[in-house]
Amino acid sequence: GVWSKLGFETVGRLPKAYRHARLGLVDCLVMFKWLADEPVAKEPAQPKLIG
């Protein structure tokens, strides 16, 4: 669908959560899209040894 083409993912479904005028109770989709820039990969910090 159009939302998938725009980068959204369906992460859940709410059964019968919306009362449509013609269709009655219909499911609602919970959609998600990460909007922040992807973090730049860097080398993991070295663990600090105690002792």
PDB file of N, CA and C in Angstrom:
ATOM      1  N   GLY A   1       0.811  -1.198   0.000  1.00  0.00           N
ATOM      2  CA  GLY A   1       0.000   0.000   0.000  1.00  0.00           C
ATOM      3  C   GLY A   1       0.847   1.253   0.000  1.00  0.00           C
ATOM      4  N   VAL A   2       0.183   2.365  -0.006  1.00  0.00           N
ATOM      5  CA  VAL A   2       0.871   3.652  -0.091  1.00  0.00           C
ATOM      6  C   VAL A   2       1.760   3.899   1.128  1.00  0.00           C
ATOM      7  N   TRP A   3       1.323   3.500   2.311  1.00  0.00           N
ATOM      8  CA  TRP A   3       2.127   3.751   3.510  1.00  0.00           C
ATOM      9  C   TRP A   3       3.397   2.915   3.508  1.00  0.00           C
ATOM     10  N   SER A   4       3.327   1.684   3.030  1.00  0.00           N
ATOM     11  CA  SER A   4       4.524   0.843   2.928  1.00  0.00           C
ATOM     12  C   SER A   4       5.520   1.458   1.960  1.00  0.00           C
ATOM     13  N   LYS A   5       5.028   2.008   0.858  1.00  0.00           N
ATOM     14  CA  LYS A   5       5.914   2.641  -0.123  1.00  0.00           C
ATOM     15  C   LYS A   5       6.611   3.861   0.464  1.00  0.00           C
ATOM     16  N   LEU A   6       5.990   4.475   1.467  1.00  0.00           N
ATOM     17  CA  LEU A   6       6.587   5.638   2.123  1.00  0.00           C
ATOM     18  C   LEU A   6       7.491   5.254   3.291  1.00  0.00           C
ATOM     19  N   GLY A   7       7.686   3.943   3.506  1.00  0.00           N
ATOM     20  CA  GLY A   7       8.626   3.483   4.515  1.00  0.00           C
ATOM     21  C   GLY A   7       8.024   3.100   5.852  1.00  0.00           C
ATOM     22  N   PHE A   8       6.707   3.079   5.963  1.00  0.00           N
ATOM     23  CA  PHE A   8       6.072   2.689   7.220  1.00  0.00           C
ATOM     24  C   PHE A   8       5.978   1.178   7.317  1.00  0.00           C
ATOM     25  N   GLU A   9       6.082   0.670   8.540  1.00  0.00           N
ATOM     26  CA  GLU A   9       5.912  -0.757   8.822  1.00  0.00           C
ATOM     27  C   GLU A   9       4.650  -0.935   9.653  1.00  0.00           C
ATOM     28  N   THR A  10       3.914  -2.007   9.402  1.00  0.00           N
ATOM     29  CA  THR A  10       2.785  -2.351  10.258  1.00  0.00           C
ATOM     30  C   THR A  10       3.332  -3.136  11.438  1.00  0.00           C
ATOM     31  N   VAL A  11       3.137  -2.605  12.652  1.00  0.00           N
ATOM     32  CA  VAL A  11       3.680  -3.250  13.849  1.00  0.00           C
ATOM     33  C   VAL A  11       2.588  -3.833  14.737  1.00  0.00           C
ATOM     34  N   GLY A  12       1.346  -3.613  14.369  1.00  0.00           N
ATOM     35  CA  GLY A  12       0.257  -4.168  15.167  1.00  0.00           C
ATOM     36  C   GLY A  12      -1.087  -3.943  14.504  1.00  0.00           C
ATOM     37  N   ARG A  13      -2.093  -4.580  15.062  1.00  0.00           N
ATOM     38  CA  ARG A  13      -3.461  -4.468  14.563  1.00  0.00           C
ATOM     39  C   ARG A  13      -4.395  -4.419  15.762  1.00  0.00           C
ATOM     40  N   LEU A  14      -5.316  -3.467  15.747  1.00  0.00           N
ATOM     41  CA  LEU A  14      -6.314  -3.339  16.804  1.00  0.00           C
ATOM     42  C   LEU A  14      -7.641  -3.839  16.252  1.00  0.00           C
ATOM     43  N   PRO A  15      -8.078  -5.014  16.679  1.00  0.00           N
ATOM     44  CA  PRO A  15      -9.302  -5.587  16.126  1.00  0.00           C
ATOM     45  C   PRO A  15     -10.538  -4.744  16.462  1.00  0.00           C
ATOM     46  N   LYS A  16     -11.337  -4.496  15.447  1.00  0.00           N
ATOM     47  CA  LYS A  16     -12.630  -3.800  15.596  1.00  0.00           C
ATOM     48  C   LYS A  16     -12.501  -2.498  16.385  1.00  0.00           C
ATOM     49  N   ALA A  17     -11.476  -1.708  16.090  1.00  0.00           N
ATOM     50  CA  ALA A  17     -11.203  -0.494  16.861  1.00  0.00           C
ATOM     51  C   ALA A  17     -11.851   0.752  16.270  1.00  0.00           C
ATOM     52  N   TYR A  18     -12.403   0.666  15.063  1.00  0.00           N
ATOM     53  CA  TYR A  18     -12.986   1.845  14.407  1.00  0.00           C
ATOM     54  C   TYR A  18     -14.338   1.486  13.811  1.00  0.00           C
ATOM     55  N   ARG A  19     -15.316   2.347  14.045  1.00  0.00           N
ATOM     56  CA  ARG A  19     -16.651   2.115  13.487  1.00  0.00           C
ATOM     57  C   ARG A  19     -16.778   2.904  12.183  1.00  0.00           C
ATOM     58  N   HIS A  20     -16.650   2.199  11.073  1.00  0.00           N
ATOM     59  CA  HIS A  20     -16.756   2.783   9.740  1.00  0.00           C
ATOM     60  C   HIS A  20     -18.236   2.961   9.404  1.00  0.00           C
ATOM     61  N   ALA A  21     -18.578   4.055   8.745  1.00  0.00           N
ATOM     62  CA  ALA A  21     -19.984   4.364   8.449  1.00  0.00           C
ATOM     63  C   ALA A  21     -20.657   3.275   7.616  1.00  0.00           C
ATOM     64  N   ARG A  22     -19.924   2.687   6.675  1.00  0.00           N
ATOM     65  CA  ARG A  22     -20.505   1.676   5.786  1.00  0.00           C
ATOM     66  C   ARG A  22     -20.162   0.253   6.195  1.00  0.00           C
ATOM     67  N   LEU A  23     -18.955   0.053   6.683  1.00  0.00           N
ATOM     68  CA  LEU A  23     -18.450  -1.298   6.937  1.00  0.00           C
ATOM     69  C   LEU A  23     -18.638  -1.766   8.378  1.00  0.00           C
ATOM     70  N   GLY A  24     -19.069  -0.884   9.257  1.00  0.00           N
ATOM     71  CA  GLY A  24     -19.190  -1.264  10.665  1.00  0.00           C
ATOM     72  C   GLY A  24     -17.827  -1.274  11.335  1.00  0.00           C
ATOM     73  N   LEU A  25     -17.652  -2.152  12.309  1.00  0.00           N
ATOM     74  CA  LEU A  25     -16.382  -2.208  13.037  1.00  0.00           C
ATOM     75  C   LEU A  25     -15.286  -2.815  12.163  1.00  0.00           C
ATOM     76  N   VAL A  26     -14.190  -2.089  12.039  1.00  0.00           N
ATOM     77  CA  VAL A  26     -13.053  -2.558  11.237  1.00  0.00           C
ATOM     78  C   VAL A  26     -11.782  -2.463  12.079  1.00  0.00           C
ATOM     79  N   ASP A  27     -10.785  -3.238  11.705  1.00  0.00           N
ATOM     80  CA  ASP A  27      -9.495  -3.224  12.395  1.00  0.00           C
ATOM     81  C   ASP A  27      -8.736  -1.938  12.064  1.00  0.00           C
ATOM     82  N   CYS A  28      -7.901  -1.505  12.989  1.00  0.00           N
ATOM     83  CA  CYS A  28      -6.985  -0.389  12.761  1.00  0.00           C
ATOM     84  C   CYS A  28      -5.564  -0.937  12.767  1.00  0.00           C
ATOM     85  N   LEU A  29      -4.750  -0.429  11.869  1.00  0.00           N
ATOM     86  CA  LEU A  29      -3.348  -0.827  11.829  1.00  0.00           C
ATOM     87  C   LEU A  29      -2.516   0.170  12.621  1.00  0.00           C
ATOM     88  N   VAL A  30      -1.557  -0.340  13.376  1.00  0.00           N
ATOM     89  CA  VAL A  30      -0.588   0.496  14.076  1.00  0.00           C
ATOM     90  C   VAL A  30       0.657   0.497  13.207  1.00  0.00           C
ATOM     91  N   MET A  31       1.056   1.694  12.767  1.00  0.00           N
ATOM     92  CA  MET A  31       2.179   1.789  11.835  1.00  0.00           C
ATOM     93  C   MET A  31       3.296   2.622  12.455  1.00  0.00           C
ATOM     94  N   PHE A  32       4.526   2.341  12.007  1.00  0.00           N
ATOM     95  CA  PHE A  32       5.714   2.965  12.580  1.00  0.00           C
ATOM     96  C   PHE A  32       6.706   3.287  11.471  1.00  0.00           C
ATOM     97  N   LYS A  33       7.370   4.430  11.621  1.00  0.00           N
ATOM     98  CA  LYS A  33       8.486   4.775  10.741  1.00  0.00           C
ATOM     99  C   LYS A  33       9.502   5.543  11.579  1.00  0.00           C
ATOM    100  N   TRP A  34      10.748   5.091  11.564  1.00  0.00           N
ATOM    101  CA  TRP A  34      11.816   5.768  12.286  1.00  0.00           C
ATOM    102  C   TRP A  34      12.140   7.047  11.537  1.00  0.00           C
ATOM    103  N   LEU A  35      12.035   8.207  12.206  1.00  0.00           N
ATOM    104  CA  LEU A  35      12.212   9.491  11.537  1.00  0.00           C
ATOM    105  C   LEU A  35      13.587  10.110  11.757  1.00  0.00           C
ATOM    106  N   ALA A  36      14.311   9.658  12.761  1.00  0.00           N
ATOM    107  CA  ALA A  36      15.634  10.212  13.038  1.00  0.00           C
ATOM    108  C   ALA A  36      16.648   9.644  12.055  1.00  0.00           C
ATOM    109  N   ASP A  37      17.738  10.353  11.896  1.00  0.00           N
ATOM    110  CA  ASP A  37      18.827   9.847  11.066  1.00  0.00           C
ATOM    111  C   ASP A  37      19.383   8.582  11.698  1.00  0.00           C
ATOM    112  N   GLU A  38      19.832   7.671  10.857  1.00  0.00           N
ATOM    113  CA  GLU A  38      20.454   6.446  11.364  1.00  0.00           C
ATOM    114  C   GLU A  38      21.774   6.811  12.033  1.00  0.00           C
ATOM    115  N   PRO A  39      22.057   6.250  13.206  1.00  0.00           N
ATOM    116  CA  PRO A  39      23.329   6.565  13.870  1.00  0.00           C
ATOM    117  C   PRO A  39      24.511   6.053  13.045  1.00  0.00           C
ATOM    118  N   VAL A  40      25.591   6.793  13.099  1.00  0.00           N
ATOM    119  CA  VAL A  40      26.804   6.393  12.384  1.00  0.00           C
ATOM    120  C   VAL A  40      27.458   5.269  13.173  1.00  0.00           C
ATOM    121  N   ALA A  41      27.786   4.178  12.492  1.00  0.00           N
ATOM    122  CA  ALA A  41      28.422   3.036  13.160  1.00  0.00           C
ATOM    123  C   ALA A  41      29.838   3.434  13.570  1.00  0.00           C
ATOM    124  N   LYS A  42      30.180   3.169  14.807  1.00  0.00           N
ATOM    125  CA  LYS A  42      31.543   3.419  15.271  1.00  0.00           C
ATOM    126  C   LYS A  42      31.997   2.215  16.069  1.00  0.00           C
ATOM    127  N   GLU A  43      33.266   2.161  16.308  1.00  0.00           N
ATOM    128  CA  GLU A  43      33.812   1.019  17.037  1.00  0.00           C
ATOM    129  C   GLU A  43      33.263   1.017  18.457  1.00  0.00           C
ATOM    130  N   PRO A  44      32.898  -0.153  18.976  1.00  0.00           N
ATOM    131  CA  PRO A  44      32.376  -0.201  20.348  1.00  0.00           C
ATOM    132  C   PRO A  44      33.444   0.222  21.350  1.00  0.00           C
ATOM    133  N   ALA A  45      33.012   0.874  22.415  1.00  0.00           N
ATOM    134  CA  ALA A  45      33.944   1.311  23.459  1.00  0.00           C
ATOM    135  C   ALA A  45      34.569   0.093  24.126  1.00  0.00           C
ATOM    136  N   GLN A  46      35.837   0.219  24.462  1.00  0.00           N
ATOM    137  CA  GLN A  46      36.528  -0.859  25.156  1.00  0.00           C
ATOM    138  C   GLN A  46      36.044  -0.893  26.603  1.00  0.00           C
ATOM    139  N   PRO A  47      35.741  -2.081  27.130  1.00  0.00           N
ATOM    140  CA  PRO A  47      35.298  -2.148  28.527  1.00  0.00           C
ATOM    141  C   PRO A  47      36.421  -1.731  29.466  1.00  0.00           C
ATOM    142  N   LYS A  48      36.057  -1.046  30.531  1.00  0.00           N
ATOM    143  CA  LYS A  48      37.041  -0.627  31.529  1.00  0.00           C
ATOM    144  C   LYS A  48      37.203  -1.756  32.539  1.00  0.00           C
ATOM    145  N   LEU A  49      38.438  -2.158  32.740  1.00  0.00           N
ATOM    146  CA  LEU A  49      38.724  -3.238  33.678  1.00  0.00           C
ATOM    147  C   LEU A  49      38.981  -2.654  35.057  1.00  0.00           C
ATOM    148  N   ILE A  50      38.415  -3.291  36.055  1.00  0.00           N
ATOM    149  CA  ILE A  50      38.591  -2.841  37.437  1.00  0.00           C
ATOM    150  C   ILE A  50      39.504  -3.843  38.138  1.00  0.00           C
ATOM    151  N   GLY A  51      40.522  -3.330  38.850  1.00  0.00           N
ATOM    152  CA  GLY A  51      41.335  -4.236  39.629  1.00  0.00           C
ATOM    153  C   GLY A  51      42.772  -4.156  39.419  1.00  0.00           C
TER     154      GLY A  51
END
